[in-house]
Amino acid sequence: MTDTRLPEHFLTSPTLDALSSDAFRVYVNGLMWSVTHGTDGLLPERSLRFLHPDGKRPELAAELTTTGLWECDDDGHHVPDFLRYQTPAEQVERSRAFTRERKRRQRDRECADDPDGDDLSVSRVTERVTSGVTSEDRTGQAVVEETNYESAEPADPRCYACGTSNPADAAECSWCHNRIHADGSPRLQVVSE
C-alpha cells in the first residue's frame, strides 16, 4: 500500500487557499490517483472521472491549470511538483520487490525448519504466549468450585450475585441479602431492588 503525502505548507498556501473546495478535492484526489497508479503525477484524461463524485468536471481541471497546480499537454494533465513530495513509482516498485523477496526468504526458512509441513509458526507463538500461564492467570477463567448436591453433606451455598459462601440453612445471603430459591435448593435468588 502506498501513501500520498500532503506537506504542511498546504495549510497556508495562498494558491491552494484560493481554490474552490471542488477544485481542491480534485487536486488531492488527483495526487492519490497518481500515487496509486504509479504515474508520477500524470493524470490521463480518462482518470478525471474518478477525481470528483460528479464525474469529469472540465471547469475544475481548467481552474487547476490556471493556478499552475496542473499542466496540460497531449498525454493529459501533470502535477508539476509531484516528485518533490511524493515517492517515485520506480522507488515504490523496488521497495515492493524487496519486501516480496524478504517475505519469500522468511517463508523458505520457516519451511526448512518444518520438514513435516506442520505450521510451527503458530505453535511457537502459542507456546511463547501461554508458557507458564495457569487457568487462574487467565482473565475470566477462574476456577469455579462446584457443589455436589447429591452428597449427604452439601457444601455451603454460594450466592450467584456476589459469590459469598452462606450457611446451608440461610434464608438469604449474608452479604447482599438475596433470597434462597423457593424450591429449597442451596442456590440464592437475585432480588431486584
Protein backbone atom coordinates (compact mmCIF):
# COMPACT_ATOMS: atom_id res chain seq x y z
CA MET A 1 0.00 0.00 0.00
CA THR A 2 1.32 3.41 -0.89
CA ASP A 3 0.53 6.72 0.70
CA THR A 4 0.08 10.21 -0.61
CA ARG A 5 1.82 12.96 1.32
CA LEU A 6 0.27 16.37 1.82
CA PRO A 7 3.02 18.71 3.02
CA GLU A 8 2.28 21.13 5.86
CA HIS A 9 2.63 24.18 3.62
CA PHE A 10 -0.68 23.11 2.02
CA LEU A 11 -2.35 24.58 5.11
CA THR A 12 -1.09 28.09 4.42
CA SER A 13 -0.56 28.07 0.65
CA PRO A 14 -2.31 31.10 -0.92
CA THR A 15 -2.67 29.16 -4.18
CA LEU A 16 -4.49 26.28 -2.51
CA ASP A 17 -6.47 28.64 -0.31
CA ALA A 18 -7.79 30.43 -3.40
CA LEU A 19 -9.11 27.19 -4.92
CA SER A 20 -12.78 26.30 -4.78
CA SER A 21 -13.50 23.38 -2.49
CA ASP A 22 -14.33 21.19 -5.50
CA ALA A 23 -11.04 22.07 -7.21
CA PHE A 24 -9.09 21.33 -4.02
CA ARG A 25 -10.84 17.97 -3.79
CA VAL A 26 -9.96 17.14 -7.40
CA TYR A 27 -6.34 18.20 -6.81
CA VAL A 28 -5.89 15.98 -3.73
CA ASN A 29 -7.76 13.08 -5.34
CA GLY A 30 -5.53 13.52 -8.41
CA LEU A 31 -2.45 13.15 -6.20
CA MET A 32 -3.89 9.98 -4.68
CA TRP A 33 -4.88 8.56 -8.09
CA SER A 34 -1.39 9.18 -9.46
CA VAL A 35 0.36 7.61 -6.47
CA THR A 36 -1.96 4.60 -6.54
CA HIS A 37 -1.46 4.01 -10.26
CA GLY A 38 2.25 4.83 -10.30
CA THR A 39 2.04 7.56 -12.95
CA ASP A 40 4.36 10.05 -11.20
CA GLY A 41 1.95 12.96 -11.49
CA LEU A 42 0.43 12.18 -14.89
CA LEU A 43 -3.37 12.27 -14.91
CA PRO A 44 -4.70 10.94 -18.22
CA GLU A 45 -7.94 12.48 -19.43
CA ARG A 46 -9.82 9.25 -18.64
CA SER A 47 -8.77 9.48 -14.95
CA LEU A 48 -10.63 12.77 -14.36
CA ARG A 49 -13.96 10.97 -13.94
CA PHE A 50 -12.64 9.32 -10.75
CA LEU A 51 -11.50 12.52 -9.08
CA HIS A 52 -14.88 14.05 -8.24
CA PRO A 53 -18.16 12.40 -7.15
CA ASP A 54 -19.99 14.11 -10.04
CA GLY A 55 -17.55 12.65 -12.58
CA LYS A 56 -15.43 14.59 -15.02
CA ARG A 57 -15.59 18.33 -14.37
CA PRO A 58 -13.62 20.23 -17.09
CA GLU A 59 -14.08 23.57 -15.31
CA LEU A 60 -12.20 22.21 -12.27
CA ALA A 61 -9.33 20.97 -14.45
CA ALA A 62 -9.22 24.43 -16.02
CA GLU A 63 -9.13 26.07 -12.57
CA LEU A 64 -6.19 23.86 -11.53
CA THR A 65 -4.36 24.57 -14.80
CA THR A 66 -4.91 28.32 -14.44
CA THR A 67 -3.42 28.32 -10.91
CA GLY A 68 -0.38 26.31 -12.07
CA LEU A 69 -1.13 23.29 -9.91
CA TRP A 70 -1.65 21.22 -13.08
CA GLU A 71 -0.11 21.48 -16.53
CA CYS A 72 -1.91 20.24 -19.61
CA ASP A 73 -0.48 18.53 -22.73
CA ASP A 74 -1.36 15.75 -25.19
CA ASP A 75 -0.92 13.00 -22.54
CA GLY A 76 -3.36 14.62 -20.13
CA HIS A 77 -2.69 16.67 -17.02
CA HIS A 78 0.55 16.72 -15.00
CA VAL A 79 1.23 17.79 -11.43
CA PRO A 80 4.49 19.74 -11.95
CA ASP A 81 5.95 19.36 -8.43
CA PHE A 82 4.65 15.81 -7.88
CA LEU A 83 8.08 14.21 -7.32
CA ARG A 84 9.03 16.94 -4.87
CA TYR A 85 6.64 15.49 -2.26
CA GLN A 86 5.69 12.00 -3.47
CA THR A 87 7.75 8.82 -3.79
CA PRO A 88 8.59 8.00 -7.43
CA ALA A 89 6.79 4.93 -8.82
CA GLU A 90 10.11 3.23 -9.59
CA GLN A 91 11.20 3.51 -5.96
CA VAL A 92 7.83 2.23 -4.74
CA GLU A 93 8.15 -0.82 -7.03
CA ARG A 94 11.72 -1.50 -5.83
CA SER A 95 10.51 -1.36 -2.24
CA ARG A 96 7.64 -3.75 -3.01
CA ALA A 97 10.02 -6.16 -4.79
CA PHE A 98 12.40 -6.06 -1.81
CA THR A 99 9.53 -6.78 0.60
CA ARG A 100 8.27 -9.67 -1.56
CA GLU A 101 11.76 -11.19 -1.66
CA ARG A 102 12.25 -10.75 2.09
CA LYS A 103 8.91 -12.46 2.80
CA ARG A 104 9.75 -15.29 0.35
CA ARG A 105 13.07 -15.93 2.14
CA GLN A 106 11.30 -15.86 5.51
CA ARG A 107 8.73 -18.43 4.33
CA ASP A 108 11.52 -20.60 2.89
CA ARG A 109 13.38 -20.55 6.23
CA GLU A 110 10.20 -21.48 8.11
CA CYS A 111 9.52 -24.36 5.70
CA ALA A 112 13.10 -25.61 6.13
CA ASP A 113 12.60 -25.62 9.92
CA ASP A 114 9.39 -27.62 9.50
CA PRO A 115 10.07 -30.73 7.36
CA ASP A 116 6.72 -32.36 8.29
CA GLY A 117 4.73 -29.45 6.91
CA ASP A 118 3.17 -28.56 10.26
CA ASP A 119 2.68 -24.89 10.88
CA LEU A 120 5.34 -24.35 13.52
CA SER A 121 4.99 -20.59 13.47
CA VAL A 122 1.57 -20.86 15.10
CA SER A 123 2.70 -23.37 17.73
CA ARG A 124 5.81 -21.28 18.54
CA VAL A 125 3.68 -18.23 19.12
CA THR A 126 1.20 -20.19 21.23
CA GLU A 127 3.98 -21.69 23.36
CA ARG A 128 5.64 -18.31 23.83
CA VAL A 129 2.39 -16.59 24.83
CA THR A 130 0.98 -19.29 27.13
CA SER A 131 4.18 -20.65 28.69
CA GLY A 132 3.75 -20.81 32.46
CA VAL A 133 0.22 -19.44 32.43
CA THR A 134 -2.28 -21.20 34.68
CA SER A 135 -6.06 -21.05 34.48
CA GLU A 136 -6.08 -18.63 37.44
CA ASP A 137 -3.88 -16.21 35.44
CA ARG A 138 -6.29 -16.01 32.52
CA THR A 139 -8.91 -13.30 32.71
CA GLY A 140 -12.41 -14.66 33.10
CA GLN A 141 -11.25 -18.24 33.65
CA ALA A 142 -11.11 -18.50 37.42
CA VAL A 143 -11.59 -21.98 38.81
CA VAL A 144 -15.19 -22.37 39.98
CA GLU A 145 -15.92 -24.60 42.94
CA GLU A 146 -18.74 -26.96 42.15
CA THR A 147 -21.23 -28.06 44.74
CA ASN A 148 -22.26 -31.72 44.74
CA TYR A 149 -25.97 -31.55 45.53
CA GLU A 150 -26.25 -35.36 45.63
CA SER A 151 -23.89 -35.77 48.57
CA ALA A 152 -25.11 -36.30 52.10
CA GLU A 153 -23.12 -33.30 53.30
CA PRO A 154 -23.97 -30.40 50.96
CA ALA A 155 -21.41 -27.61 50.78
CA ASP A 156 -22.34 -24.15 51.89
CA PRO A 157 -24.25 -22.41 49.09
CA ARG A 158 -22.57 -19.56 47.28
CA CYS A 159 -24.56 -16.52 46.23
CA TYR A 160 -24.63 -16.28 42.44
CA ALA A 161 -24.79 -12.49 42.67
CA CYS A 162 -21.79 -11.83 44.89
CA GLY A 163 -20.10 -15.25 45.43
CA THR A 164 -20.35 -15.13 49.22
CA SER A 165 -20.47 -18.52 50.98
CA ASN A 166 -23.55 -18.89 53.24
CA PRO A 167 -24.71 -21.48 55.77
CA ALA A 168 -26.89 -24.25 54.26
CA ASP A 169 -29.95 -23.15 56.23
CA ALA A 170 -29.62 -19.45 55.34
CA ALA A 171 -32.76 -17.77 54.04
CA GLU A 172 -30.74 -15.01 52.39
CA CYS A 173 -27.16 -14.10 51.51
CA SER A 174 -25.31 -12.67 54.47
CA TRP A 175 -23.58 -10.02 52.34
CA CYS A 176 -26.01 -8.87 49.58
CA HIS A 177 -29.25 -10.20 51.14
CA ASN A 178 -30.52 -12.11 48.10
CA ARG A 179 -33.11 -14.78 48.96
CA ILE A 180 -32.78 -18.57 48.57
CA HIS A 181 -34.92 -20.21 45.86
CA ALA A 182 -38.36 -21.33 46.96
CA ASP A 183 -37.63 -24.96 45.95
CA GLY A 184 -35.15 -25.20 48.81
CA SER A 185 -32.10 -25.53 46.60
CA PRO A 186 -28.95 -24.03 48.04
CA ARG A 187 -28.78 -21.51 45.19
CA LEU A 188 -29.67 -17.96 46.02
CA GLN A 189 -32.12 -15.90 44.01
CA VAL A 190 -31.17 -12.40 42.86
CA VAL A 191 -33.75 -9.93 44.03
CA SER A 192 -34.05 -6.75 42.00
CA GLU A 193 -34.23 -3.60 44.04
